[in-house]
Amino acid sequence: MPSQAYSSSQKALHWILFVLVVGLYGLTYGGDFFPRGDPNRGAVWWLHISFGLLLAALLIVRVALRFVRGAPELPASMSVIEKRVARAGHLALYGLLIIIPILGILLTWFRGDALTFFGLFTIPDPFQPDRPTAGFIRELHGLAANGILILAGLHALAALWHYFVRKDDVLQRMLPERSTTTI
């Protein structure tokens, strides 16, 4: 029998991934505050790549947990079409969360750069630099990033609609549990 709420680890990963997506989007424009050639501009991209790799690693854990623990059933009050739209939306979010880091990795390599994870390890580029290919991948990466922000916004609006209009438990299933203990 499916649970009525996501596990604490699933909830934590949901919100951590949300913060990472928003933060990575912000870092994309953070480099624009510095002129080309400024080491700070490179540091912003280094952070973007490192946090992008962190997102990819946490996403693997999130997907594994989803397979192991599943997801709560949608409310019986939802129509078949609403349930299909909800499932399609989740699938699209997962798809974008998977494709964006893959495109980011390929972009980094086709630009001729190595992948580094906060300076802890480096994965050298396996490809020869290819500016036209890198440019094409950059466009796809940007489109997918814009797409995930739009889809995440619709996802949030749907959750708020469930909370304020439908008055069901869809939003509460992903919120942290309230502590009943006092200090």
C-alpha atoms as a PDB file:
ATOM      1  CA  MET A   1       0.000   0.000   0.000  1.00  0.00           C
ATOM      2  CA  PRO A   2       1.528   3.354  -1.001  1.00  0.00           C
ATOM      3  CA  SER A   3       2.346   5.909   1.677  1.00  0.00           C
ATOM      4  CA  GLN A   4       0.265   9.067   1.999  1.00  0.00           C
ATOM      5  CA  ALA A   5       3.413  11.222   2.074  1.00  0.00           C
ATOM      6  CA  TYR A   6       6.914  11.193   0.700  1.00  0.00           C
ATOM      7  CA  SER A   7       9.700  10.006   3.014  1.00  0.00           C
ATOM      8  CA  SER A   8      11.817  12.575   4.846  1.00  0.00           C
ATOM      9  CA  SER A   9      14.751  11.826   2.545  1.00  0.00           C
ATOM     10  CA  GLN A  10      12.576  12.290  -0.555  1.00  0.00           C
ATOM     11  CA  LYS A  11      11.305  15.606   0.796  1.00  0.00           C
ATOM     12  CA  ALA A  12      14.812  16.805   1.634  1.00  0.00           C
ATOM     13  CA  LEU A  13      16.116  15.899  -1.816  1.00  0.00           C
ATOM     14  CA  HIS A  14      13.132  17.619  -3.479  1.00  0.00           C
ATOM     15  CA  TRP A  15      13.886  20.917  -1.733  1.00  0.00           C
ATOM     16  CA  ILE A  16      17.673  20.645  -2.094  1.00  0.00           C
ATOM     17  CA  LEU A  17      17.273  20.062  -5.841  1.00  0.00           C
ATOM     18  CA  PHE A  18      14.912  23.045  -6.019  1.00  0.00           C
ATOM     19  CA  VAL A  19      17.487  25.295  -4.332  1.00  0.00           C
ATOM     20  CA  LEU A  20      20.237  23.957  -6.606  1.00  0.00           C
ATOM     21  CA  VAL A  21      18.193  24.586  -9.777  1.00  0.00           C
ATOM     22  CA  VAL A  22      17.422  28.176  -8.745  1.00  0.00           C
ATOM     23  CA  GLY A  23      20.997  28.757  -7.577  1.00  0.00           C
ATOM     24  CA  LEU A  24      22.497  27.351 -10.766  1.00  0.00           C
ATOM     25  CA  TYR A  25      20.223  29.559 -12.839  1.00  0.00           C
ATOM     26  CA  GLY A  26      21.429  32.544 -10.808  1.00  0.00           C
ATOM     27  CA  LEU A  27      25.071  31.557 -11.244  1.00  0.00           C
ATOM     28  CA  THR A  28      24.508  31.516 -14.995  1.00  0.00           C
ATOM     29  CA  TYR A  29      24.051  35.266 -14.874  1.00  0.00           C
ATOM     30  CA  GLY A  30      26.502  35.839 -12.021  1.00  0.00           C
ATOM     31  CA  GLY A  31      29.432  35.661 -14.403  1.00  0.00           C
ATOM     32  CA  ASP A  32      28.040  38.656 -16.305  1.00  0.00           C
ATOM     33  CA  PHE A  33      28.984  40.918 -13.390  1.00  0.00           C
ATOM     34  CA  PHE A  34      32.631  40.434 -14.282  1.00  0.00           C
ATOM     35  CA  PRO A  35      34.416  41.354 -17.528  1.00  0.00           C
ATOM     36  CA  ARG A  36      35.841  38.643 -19.779  1.00  0.00           C
ATOM     37  CA  GLY A  37      39.219  37.539 -18.527  1.00  0.00           C
ATOM     38  CA  ASP A  38      38.437  38.423 -14.900  1.00  0.00           C
ATOM     39  CA  PRO A  39      39.301  35.451 -12.650  1.00  0.00           C
ATOM     40  CA  ASN A  40      36.053  35.990 -10.741  1.00  0.00           C
ATOM     41  CA  ARG A  41      34.102  35.224 -13.915  1.00  0.00           C
ATOM     42  CA  GLY A  42      35.924  31.878 -14.158  1.00  0.00           C
ATOM     43  CA  ALA A  43      35.234  31.209 -10.477  1.00  0.00           C
ATOM     44  CA  VAL A  44      31.504  31.683 -11.067  1.00  0.00           C
ATOM     45  CA  TRP A  45      31.594  29.097 -13.881  1.00  0.00           C
ATOM     46  CA  TRP A  46      33.695  26.773 -11.731  1.00  0.00           C
ATOM     47  CA  LEU A  47      30.969  26.994  -9.065  1.00  0.00           C
ATOM     48  CA  HIS A  48      28.245  26.492 -11.683  1.00  0.00           C
ATOM     49  CA  ILE A  49      29.923  23.317 -12.932  1.00  0.00           C
ATOM     50  CA  SER A  50      30.585  21.999  -9.414  1.00  0.00           C
ATOM     51  CA  PHE A  51      27.040  22.626  -8.211  1.00  0.00           C
ATOM     52  CA  GLY A  52      25.705  21.160 -11.476  1.00  0.00           C
ATOM     53  CA  LEU A  53      27.641  17.956 -10.792  1.00  0.00           C
ATOM     54  CA  LEU A  54      26.269  17.942  -7.240  1.00  0.00           C
ATOM     55  CA  LEU A  55      22.756  18.270  -8.674  1.00  0.00           C
ATOM     56  CA  ALA A  56      23.426  15.325 -11.005  1.00  0.00           C
ATOM     57  CA  ALA A  57      24.663  13.141  -8.127  1.00  0.00           C
ATOM     58  CA  LEU A  58      21.719  14.025  -5.871  1.00  0.00           C
ATOM     59  CA  LEU A  59      19.320  13.437  -8.737  1.00  0.00           C
ATOM     60  CA  ILE A  60      20.614   9.881  -9.087  1.00  0.00           C
ATOM     61  CA  VAL A  61      19.844   9.347  -5.393  1.00  0.00           C
ATOM     62  CA  ARG A  62      16.413  10.965  -5.790  1.00  0.00           C
ATOM     63  CA  VAL A  63      15.478   8.761  -8.755  1.00  0.00           C
ATOM     64  CA  ALA A  64      16.708   5.655  -6.918  1.00  0.00           C
ATOM     65  CA  LEU A  65      14.593   6.571  -3.892  1.00  0.00           C
ATOM     66  CA  ARG A  66      11.600   7.128  -6.125  1.00  0.00           C
ATOM     67  CA  PHE A  67      11.987   3.600  -7.506  1.00  0.00           C
ATOM     68  CA  VAL A  68      12.505   2.080  -4.057  1.00  0.00           C
ATOM     69  CA  ARG A  69       9.934   4.046  -2.058  1.00  0.00           C
ATOM     70  CA  GLY A  70       7.527   5.074  -4.809  1.00  0.00           C
ATOM     71  CA  ALA A  71       5.226   8.062  -4.532  1.00  0.00           C
ATOM     72  CA  PRO A  72       1.980   8.620  -2.680  1.00  0.00           C
ATOM     73  CA  GLU A  73      -1.219   8.014  -4.596  1.00  0.00           C
ATOM     74  CA  LEU A  74      -2.846  11.119  -5.990  1.00  0.00           C
ATOM     75  CA  PRO A  75      -6.127  12.098  -4.303  1.00  0.00           C
ATOM     76  CA  ALA A  76      -9.172  10.145  -5.433  1.00  0.00           C
ATOM     77  CA  SER A  77     -10.907  13.479  -6.011  1.00  0.00           C
ATOM     78  CA  MET A  78      -8.639  14.142  -9.007  1.00  0.00           C
ATOM     79  CA  SER A  79      -9.995  13.181 -12.411  1.00  0.00           C
ATOM     80  CA  VAL A  80      -8.167  10.722 -14.662  1.00  0.00           C
ATOM     81  CA  ILE A  81      -7.057  13.605 -16.903  1.00  0.00           C
ATOM     82  CA  GLU A  82      -5.736  15.594 -13.911  1.00  0.00           C
ATOM     83  CA  LYS A  83      -3.767  12.568 -12.752  1.00  0.00           C
ATOM     84  CA  ARG A  84      -2.309  12.058 -16.231  1.00  0.00           C
ATOM     85  CA  VAL A  85      -1.304  15.726 -16.463  1.00  0.00           C
ATOM     86  CA  ALA A  86       0.300  15.521 -13.008  1.00  0.00           C
ATOM     87  CA  ARG A  87       2.259  12.404 -13.971  1.00  0.00           C
ATOM     88  CA  ALA A  88       3.315  13.947 -17.292  1.00  0.00           C
ATOM     89  CA  GLY A  89       4.473  17.077 -15.467  1.00  0.00           C
ATOM     90  CA  HIS A  90       6.551  15.041 -13.028  1.00  0.00           C
ATOM     91  CA  LEU A  91       8.019  13.001 -15.862  1.00  0.00           C
ATOM     92  CA  ALA A  92       8.923  16.202 -17.726  1.00  0.00           C
ATOM     93  CA  LEU A  93      10.574  17.644 -14.604  1.00  0.00           C
ATOM     94  CA  TYR A  94      12.623  14.488 -14.112  1.00  0.00           C
ATOM     95  CA  GLY A  95      13.511  14.443 -17.810  1.00  0.00           C
ATOM     96  CA  LEU A  96      14.773  18.024 -17.713  1.00  0.00           C
ATOM     97  CA  LEU A  97      16.637  17.406 -14.455  1.00  0.00           C
ATOM     98  CA  ILE A  98      18.433  14.543 -16.187  1.00  0.00           C
ATOM     99  CA  ILE A  99      19.121  16.208 -19.541  1.00  0.00           C
ATOM    100  CA  ILE A 100      20.346  19.574 -18.195  1.00  0.00           C
ATOM    101  CA  PRO A 101      23.415  18.192 -16.353  1.00  0.00           C
ATOM    102  CA  ILE A 102      24.221  15.884 -19.278  1.00  0.00           C
ATOM    103  CA  LEU A 103      24.151  18.862 -21.644  1.00  0.00           C
ATOM    104  CA  GLY A 104      26.219  20.879 -19.164  1.00  0.00           C
ATOM    105  CA  ILE A 105      28.873  18.169 -19.006  1.00  0.00           C
ATOM    106  CA  LEU A 106      28.999  17.897 -22.794  1.00  0.00           C
ATOM    107  CA  LEU A 107      29.141  21.682 -23.121  1.00  0.00           C
ATOM    108  CA  THR A 108      32.080  21.879 -20.738  1.00  0.00           C
ATOM    109  CA  TRP A 109      33.961  19.172 -22.604  1.00  0.00           C
ATOM    110  CA  PHE A 110      33.276  20.540 -26.095  1.00  0.00           C
ATOM    111  CA  ARG A 111      34.488  23.947 -24.908  1.00  0.00           C
ATOM    112  CA  GLY A 112      37.755  22.194 -24.130  1.00  0.00           C
ATOM    113  CA  ASP A 113      37.476  22.354 -20.347  1.00  0.00           C
ATOM    114  CA  ALA A 114      37.823  19.622 -17.763  1.00  0.00           C
ATOM    115  CA  LEU A 115      35.061  18.955 -15.259  1.00  0.00           C
ATOM    116  CA  THR A 116      36.015  19.717 -11.703  1.00  0.00           C
ATOM    117  CA  PHE A 117      34.001  19.094  -8.580  1.00  0.00           C
ATOM    118  CA  PHE A 118      34.881  21.832  -6.077  1.00  0.00           C
ATOM    119  CA  GLY A 119      38.550  21.101  -6.760  1.00  0.00           C
ATOM    120  CA  LEU A 120      38.246  17.647  -5.167  1.00  0.00           C
ATOM    121  CA  PHE A 121      38.597  15.764  -8.440  1.00  0.00           C
ATOM    122  CA  THR A 122      38.800  16.527 -12.133  1.00  0.00           C
ATOM    123  CA  ILE A 123      37.530  14.626 -15.141  1.00  0.00           C
ATOM    124  CA  PRO A 124      39.521  15.582 -18.245  1.00  0.00           C
ATOM    125  CA  ASP A 125      37.694  16.382 -21.456  1.00  0.00           C
ATOM    126  CA  PRO A 126      37.506  13.363 -23.769  1.00  0.00           C
ATOM    127  CA  PHE A 127      36.776  15.465 -26.872  1.00  0.00           C
ATOM    128  CA  GLN A 128      38.688  17.917 -28.972  1.00  0.00           C
ATOM    129  CA  PRO A 129      37.323  21.443 -28.469  1.00  0.00           C
ATOM    130  CA  ASP A 130      34.597  22.138 -31.009  1.00  0.00           C
ATOM    131  CA  ARG A 131      33.124  25.648 -30.878  1.00  0.00           C
ATOM    132  CA  PRO A 132      30.161  25.041 -33.203  1.00  0.00           C
ATOM    133  CA  THR A 133      29.126  21.922 -31.276  1.00  0.00           C
ATOM    134  CA  ALA A 134      29.652  23.706 -27.959  1.00  0.00           C
ATOM    135  CA  GLY A 135      27.494  26.592 -29.179  1.00  0.00           C
ATOM    136  CA  PHE A 136      24.688  24.248 -30.197  1.00  0.00           C
ATOM    137  CA  ILE A 137      24.838  22.391 -26.868  1.00  0.00           C
ATOM    138  CA  ARG A 138      24.874  25.717 -24.999  1.00  0.00           C
ATOM    139  CA  GLU A 139      21.628  26.711 -26.731  1.00  0.00           C
ATOM    140  CA  LEU A 140      20.002  23.385 -25.815  1.00  0.00           C
ATOM    141  CA  HIS A 141      21.276  23.666 -22.227  1.00  0.00           C
ATOM    142  CA  GLY A 142      19.830  27.176 -21.955  1.00  0.00           C
ATOM    143  CA  LEU A 143      16.481  26.173 -23.453  1.00  0.00           C
ATOM    144  CA  ALA A 144      16.210  23.224 -21.088  1.00  0.00           C
ATOM    145  CA  ALA A 145      17.135  25.463 -18.116  1.00  0.00           C
ATOM    146  CA  ASN A 146      14.444  27.974 -19.090  1.00  0.00           C
ATOM    147  CA  GLY A 147      12.024  25.086 -19.570  1.00  0.00           C
ATOM    148  CA  ILE A 148      12.638  23.699 -16.104  1.00  0.00           C
ATOM    149  CA  LEU A 149      12.024  27.088 -14.514  1.00  0.00           C
ATOM    150  CA  ILE A 150       8.719  27.399 -16.360  1.00  0.00           C
ATOM    151  CA  LEU A 151       7.711  23.841 -15.526  1.00  0.00           C
ATOM    152  CA  ALA A 152       8.770  24.216 -11.871  1.00  0.00           C
ATOM    153  CA  GLY A 153       6.716  27.397 -11.682  1.00  0.00           C
ATOM    154  CA  LEU A 154       3.661  25.570 -13.043  1.00  0.00           C
ATOM    155  CA  HIS A 155       4.378  22.731 -10.600  1.00  0.00           C
ATOM    156  CA  ALA A 156       4.418  25.200  -7.689  1.00  0.00           C
ATOM    157  CA  LEU A 157       1.231  26.894  -8.898  1.00  0.00           C
ATOM    158  CA  ALA A 158      -0.492  23.507  -9.118  1.00  0.00           C
ATOM    159  CA  ALA A 159       0.606  22.657  -5.562  1.00  0.00           C
ATOM    160  CA  LEU A 160      -0.724  26.002  -4.299  1.00  0.00           C
ATOM    161  CA  TRP A 161      -3.976  25.458  -6.208  1.00  0.00           C
ATOM    162  CA  HIS A 162      -4.373  22.097  -4.503  1.00  0.00           C
ATOM    163  CA  TYR A 163      -3.735  23.711  -1.114  1.00  0.00           C
ATOM    164  CA  PHE A 164      -5.893  26.833  -1.426  1.00  0.00           C
ATOM    165  CA  VAL A 165      -8.629  25.791  -3.884  1.00  0.00           C
ATOM    166  CA  ARG A 166      -8.951  22.006  -3.757  1.00  0.00           C
ATOM    167  CA  LYS A 167      -7.974  21.921  -0.065  1.00  0.00           C
ATOM    168  CA  ASP A 168      -6.452  18.449  -0.426  1.00  0.00           C
ATOM    169  CA  ASP A 169      -3.136  17.130   0.902  1.00  0.00           C
ATOM    170  CA  VAL A 170      -1.044  17.263  -2.291  1.00  0.00           C
ATOM    171  CA  LEU A 171       1.200  20.089  -1.043  1.00  0.00           C
ATOM    172  CA  GLN A 172       1.492  18.796   2.518  1.00  0.00           C
ATOM    173  CA  ARG A 173       2.863  15.458   1.277  1.00  0.00           C
ATOM    174  CA  MET A 174       6.075  17.228   0.202  1.00  0.00           C
ATOM    175  CA  LEU A 175       6.393  19.698   3.090  1.00  0.00           C
ATOM    176  CA  PRO A 176       8.626  18.924   6.073  1.00  0.00           C
ATOM    177  CA  GLU A 177       6.789  17.457   9.016  1.00  0.00           C
ATOM    178  CA  ARG A 178       6.061  19.815  11.851  1.00  0.00           C
ATOM    179  CA  SER A 179       7.757  18.998  15.088  1.00  0.00           C
ATOM    180  CA  THR A 180       5.410  18.579  18.037  1.00  0.00           C
ATOM    181  CA  THR A 181       8.167  18.873  20.612  1.00  0.00           C
ATOM    182  CA  THR A 182       9.047  22.135  22.334  1.00  0.00           C
ATOM    183  CA  ILE A 183      12.358  23.251  23.697  1.00  0.00           C
END
